[in-house]
């Protein structure tokens, strides 16, 4: 049995795609650029908000001025509306509570800005984690292993005692770079094919299957 589980946030513990899309489209509309359907944003997210902004505009619009303006508008809107439609996935809180009763430590590592990450975790998931890291200035984003390695060190565990759970190729690569086992979940933003292709150690179709991988 693992001694710690490190979770991705968006697409893994919470369904936030509606609010992320709304914040992006707000910025695009303000700049007079084309907007996108919510589903399209599932292919844009995962590598942090800078990459999100790059992906949602065409190459000819990717100037430093446009990207910086869109980042400002995104932060403005998302900071005020991040709780509008976001909610935990069904069974996520119960899963975390159960594994914690077994003595397993929990953490979150997200590419969402740290300020937004901590607010969302606190509001929706409470104090259920030993460590919560969003993207912090001066620290590399996933799939760099930096933040996951920092969590493992803070928890005082070996890498073989930790499991990483996420919904995208970025998460599977992060786990591999961190030298920990990975679970790719299918209720998030990306496909089973993507997770399998990237080499996820396990694939979880639902919370019950994820719990089995964690506890067994």
Protein backbone atom coordinates (compact mmCIF):
# COMPACT_ATOMS: atom_id res chain seq x y z
CA UNK A 1 0.00 0.00 0.00
CA UNK A 2 1.25 3.48 -0.86
CA UNK A 3 2.05 5.93 1.91
CA UNK A 4 1.15 9.05 -0.07
CA UNK A 5 -0.96 10.01 -3.08
CA UNK A 6 -0.15 13.18 -5.01
CA UNK A 7 -3.09 14.47 -7.04
CA UNK A 8 -3.37 16.77 -10.00
CA UNK A 9 -6.27 19.20 -9.46
CA UNK A 10 -8.17 20.25 -12.60
CA UNK A 11 -9.69 17.27 -14.37
CA UNK A 12 -8.68 14.95 -11.53
CA UNK A 13 -10.28 16.20 -8.31
CA UNK A 14 -12.38 19.08 -9.65
CA UNK A 15 -14.26 19.76 -12.87
CA UNK A 16 -13.27 23.35 -13.63
CA UNK A 17 -13.39 23.44 -17.41
CA UNK A 18 -16.47 25.66 -17.60
CA UNK A 19 -14.95 28.42 -15.48
CA UNK A 20 -11.57 28.15 -17.23
CA UNK A 21 -13.27 28.45 -20.62
CA UNK A 22 -15.34 31.41 -19.48
CA UNK A 23 -12.25 33.26 -18.26
CA UNK A 24 -10.44 32.59 -21.52
CA UNK A 25 -13.38 33.64 -23.69
CA UNK A 26 -13.79 36.79 -21.62
CA UNK A 27 -10.24 37.80 -22.51
CA UNK A 28 -10.65 36.85 -26.15
CA UNK A 29 -13.84 38.88 -26.46
CA UNK A 30 -12.22 41.91 -24.80
CA UNK A 31 -9.38 41.72 -27.33
CA UNK A 32 -11.69 41.17 -30.30
CA UNK A 33 -10.33 37.65 -30.95
CA UNK A 34 -12.36 34.53 -31.83
CA UNK A 35 -13.69 32.52 -28.87
CA UNK A 36 -13.90 28.73 -28.49
CA UNK A 37 -16.43 26.15 -27.36
CA UNK A 38 -15.95 24.80 -23.84
CA UNK A 39 -14.97 21.32 -25.07
CA UNK A 40 -12.08 22.77 -27.07
CA UNK A 41 -10.44 24.02 -23.90
CA UNK A 42 -9.93 20.44 -22.72
CA UNK A 43 -7.13 20.22 -25.29
CA UNK A 44 -5.67 23.60 -24.30
CA UNK A 45 -5.30 23.17 -20.53
CA UNK A 46 -2.72 21.15 -18.61
CA UNK A 47 0.58 22.98 -19.04
CA UNK A 48 -0.14 26.13 -17.08
CA UNK A 49 -1.93 29.31 -17.96
CA UNK A 50 0.78 30.77 -20.23
CA UNK A 51 0.57 27.73 -22.53
CA UNK A 52 -3.22 27.90 -22.29
CA UNK A 53 -3.17 31.46 -23.62
CA UNK A 54 -0.75 30.51 -26.40
CA UNK A 55 -2.92 27.61 -27.52
CA UNK A 56 -6.18 29.53 -27.63
CA UNK A 57 -4.96 32.15 -30.11
CA UNK A 58 -3.67 31.71 -33.65
CA UNK A 59 0.05 31.92 -34.35
CA UNK A 60 -0.15 35.37 -35.94
CA UNK A 61 -1.69 36.74 -32.72
CA UNK A 62 0.96 35.29 -30.38
CA UNK A 63 2.77 38.52 -29.67
CA UNK A 64 4.15 39.28 -26.23
CA UNK A 65 1.73 42.20 -25.95
CA UNK A 66 -1.33 40.07 -26.75
CA UNK A 67 -0.30 37.22 -24.46
CA UNK A 68 0.38 39.55 -21.53
CA UNK A 69 -2.95 41.34 -22.04
CA UNK A 70 -4.82 38.03 -22.18
CA UNK A 71 -3.06 36.81 -19.04
CA UNK A 72 -4.21 39.96 -17.21
CA UNK A 73 -7.78 39.55 -18.42
CA UNK A 74 -7.80 35.84 -17.55
CA UNK A 75 -6.59 36.52 -14.01
CA UNK A 76 -9.10 39.34 -13.59
CA UNK A 77 -12.07 37.21 -14.62
CA UNK A 78 -11.01 33.88 -13.15
CA UNK A 79 -10.15 35.43 -9.81
CA UNK A 80 -13.74 36.65 -9.53
CA UNK A 81 -15.52 33.65 -11.09
CA UNK A 82 -13.49 30.52 -10.28
CA UNK A 83 -16.32 29.19 -8.09
CA UNK A 84 -19.21 29.80 -10.50
CA UNK A 85 -19.48 26.32 -12.01
CA UNK A 86 -16.50 24.41 -10.65
CA UNK A 87 -17.17 21.46 -8.35
CA UNK A 88 -15.42 18.33 -7.11
CA UNK A 89 -15.95 15.16 -9.12
CA UNK A 90 -18.47 12.80 -7.57
CA UNK A 91 -16.77 10.59 -5.00
CA UNK A 92 -13.53 12.60 -4.84
CA UNK A 93 -13.99 13.87 -1.29
CA UNK A 94 -15.11 10.47 -0.04
CA UNK A 95 -12.07 8.83 -1.65
CA UNK A 96 -9.67 11.28 -0.04
CA UNK A 97 -11.30 10.85 3.35
CA UNK A 98 -11.14 7.07 3.14
CA UNK A 99 -7.51 6.82 2.14
CA UNK A 100 -6.58 9.29 4.86
CA UNK A 101 -8.30 7.09 7.45
CA UNK A 102 -5.89 4.37 6.30
CA UNK A 103 -2.96 6.59 7.24
CA UNK A 104 -2.13 7.61 3.67
CA UNK A 105 -0.91 11.17 3.20
CA UNK A 106 -2.30 13.34 0.39
CA UNK A 107 -1.02 16.30 -1.62
CA UNK A 108 -1.95 18.40 -4.64
CA UNK A 109 0.43 19.55 -7.38
CA UNK A 110 -1.18 21.71 -10.06
CA UNK A 111 -0.04 23.95 -12.91
CA UNK A 112 -2.80 26.39 -11.96
CA UNK A 113 -1.34 29.54 -10.34
CA UNK A 114 -0.64 28.86 -6.66
CA UNK A 115 -3.03 31.53 -5.39
CA UNK A 116 -5.94 30.08 -7.36
CA UNK A 117 -4.98 26.50 -6.47
CA UNK A 118 -4.93 27.09 -2.72
CA UNK A 119 -8.24 28.99 -2.81
CA UNK A 120 -10.03 26.28 -4.75
CA UNK A 121 -8.62 23.46 -2.64
CA UNK A 122 -9.56 25.26 0.57
CA UNK A 123 -13.09 26.05 -0.63
CA UNK A 124 -14.01 22.70 -2.19
CA UNK A 125 -11.74 20.16 -0.49
CA UNK A 126 -10.93 21.72 2.87
CA UNK A 127 -7.88 20.78 4.91
CA UNK A 128 -7.48 17.29 3.51
CA UNK A 129 -3.92 17.67 2.19
CA UNK A 130 -0.51 17.84 3.83
CA UNK A 131 0.86 19.89 0.94
CA UNK A 132 -0.82 21.98 -1.79
CA UNK A 133 1.27 23.45 -4.59
CA UNK A 134 0.10 25.41 -7.58
CA UNK A 135 2.51 26.99 -10.00
CA UNK A 136 4.73 29.31 -8.00
CA UNK A 137 6.86 32.11 -9.48
CA UNK A 138 10.39 30.91 -10.08
CA UNK A 139 9.42 27.24 -10.06
CA UNK A 140 9.05 25.17 -13.25
CA UNK A 141 5.64 23.86 -14.24
CA UNK A 142 4.79 20.20 -14.71
CA UNK A 143 5.94 17.97 -16.34
CA UNK A 144 9.11 19.09 -14.59
CA UNK A 145 9.55 16.95 -11.47
CA UNK A 146 10.45 19.89 -9.21
CA UNK A 147 7.21 20.27 -7.24
CA UNK A 148 6.50 16.55 -6.93
CA UNK A 149 10.02 15.94 -5.67
CA UNK A 150 9.57 18.79 -3.20
CA UNK A 151 6.36 17.20 -1.89
CA UNK A 152 8.01 13.79 -1.47
CA UNK A 153 10.88 15.38 0.46
CA UNK A 154 8.48 17.34 2.69
CA UNK A 155 6.52 14.18 3.46
CA UNK A 156 9.73 12.32 4.32
CA UNK A 157 8.94 9.40 2.02
CA UNK A 158 10.65 7.33 -0.63
CA UNK A 159 9.56 7.66 -4.24
CA UNK A 160 8.48 4.03 -4.26
CA UNK A 161 6.01 4.87 -1.48
CA UNK A 162 4.22 7.55 -3.53
CA UNK A 163 1.60 7.45 -6.29
CA UNK A 164 0.78 10.27 -8.69
CA UNK A 165 -2.78 10.67 -10.06
CA UNK A 166 -3.77 12.85 -13.02
CA UNK A 167 -5.88 13.07 -16.16
CA UNK A 168 -3.46 14.17 -18.90
CA UNK A 169 -0.25 13.29 -20.68
CA UNK A 170 1.41 16.10 -18.71
CA UNK A 171 0.62 14.24 -15.50
CA UNK A 172 1.95 10.91 -16.74
CA UNK A 173 5.18 12.55 -17.89
CA UNK A 174 5.42 14.35 -14.54
CA UNK A 175 5.16 11.03 -12.70
CA UNK A 176 7.79 9.46 -14.92
CA UNK A 177 10.14 12.42 -14.47
CA UNK A 178 9.59 12.15 -10.72
CA UNK A 179 10.23 8.37 -10.77
CA UNK A 180 6.88 7.51 -9.17
CA UNK A 181 4.06 5.26 -10.35
CA UNK A 182 1.16 6.94 -12.16
CA UNK A 183 -2.60 6.53 -12.48
CA UNK A 184 -4.37 8.14 -15.42
CA UNK A 185 -8.04 8.88 -14.71
CA UNK A 186 -10.71 8.82 -17.41
CA UNK A 187 -13.26 11.28 -15.99
CA UNK A 188 -11.08 14.31 -16.71
CA UNK A 189 -10.17 16.39 -19.75
CA UNK A 190 -8.15 13.94 -21.87
CA UNK A 191 -8.63 10.55 -23.52
CA UNK A 192 -7.70 7.02 -22.52
CA UNK A 193 -5.64 6.76 -25.72
CA UNK A 194 -3.50 9.71 -24.66
CA UNK A 195 -2.87 8.27 -21.19
CA UNK A 196 -2.06 4.80 -22.50
CA UNK A 197 0.22 6.17 -25.20
CA UNK A 198 2.16 8.19 -22.63
CA UNK A 199 2.70 5.07 -20.53
CA UNK A 200 0.45 5.42 -17.48
CA UNK A 201 1.13 2.58 -15.04
CA UNK A 202 -2.58 2.25 -14.30
CA UNK A 203 -5.83 3.52 -15.83
CA UNK A 204 -8.80 4.26 -13.56
CA UNK A 205 -12.27 4.40 -15.07
CA UNK A 206 -13.90 5.56 -11.83
CA UNK A 207 -13.16 6.45 -8.20
CA UNK A 208 -13.69 2.86 -7.06
CA UNK A 209 -10.97 1.62 -9.39
CA UNK A 210 -8.65 4.42 -8.31
CA UNK A 211 -9.20 3.46 -4.67
CA UNK A 212 -8.30 -0.14 -5.50
CA UNK A 213 -4.99 0.93 -7.05
CA UNK A 214 -4.19 3.08 -4.03
CA UNK A 215 -5.04 0.55 -1.36
CA UNK A 216 -3.94 -2.67 -3.01
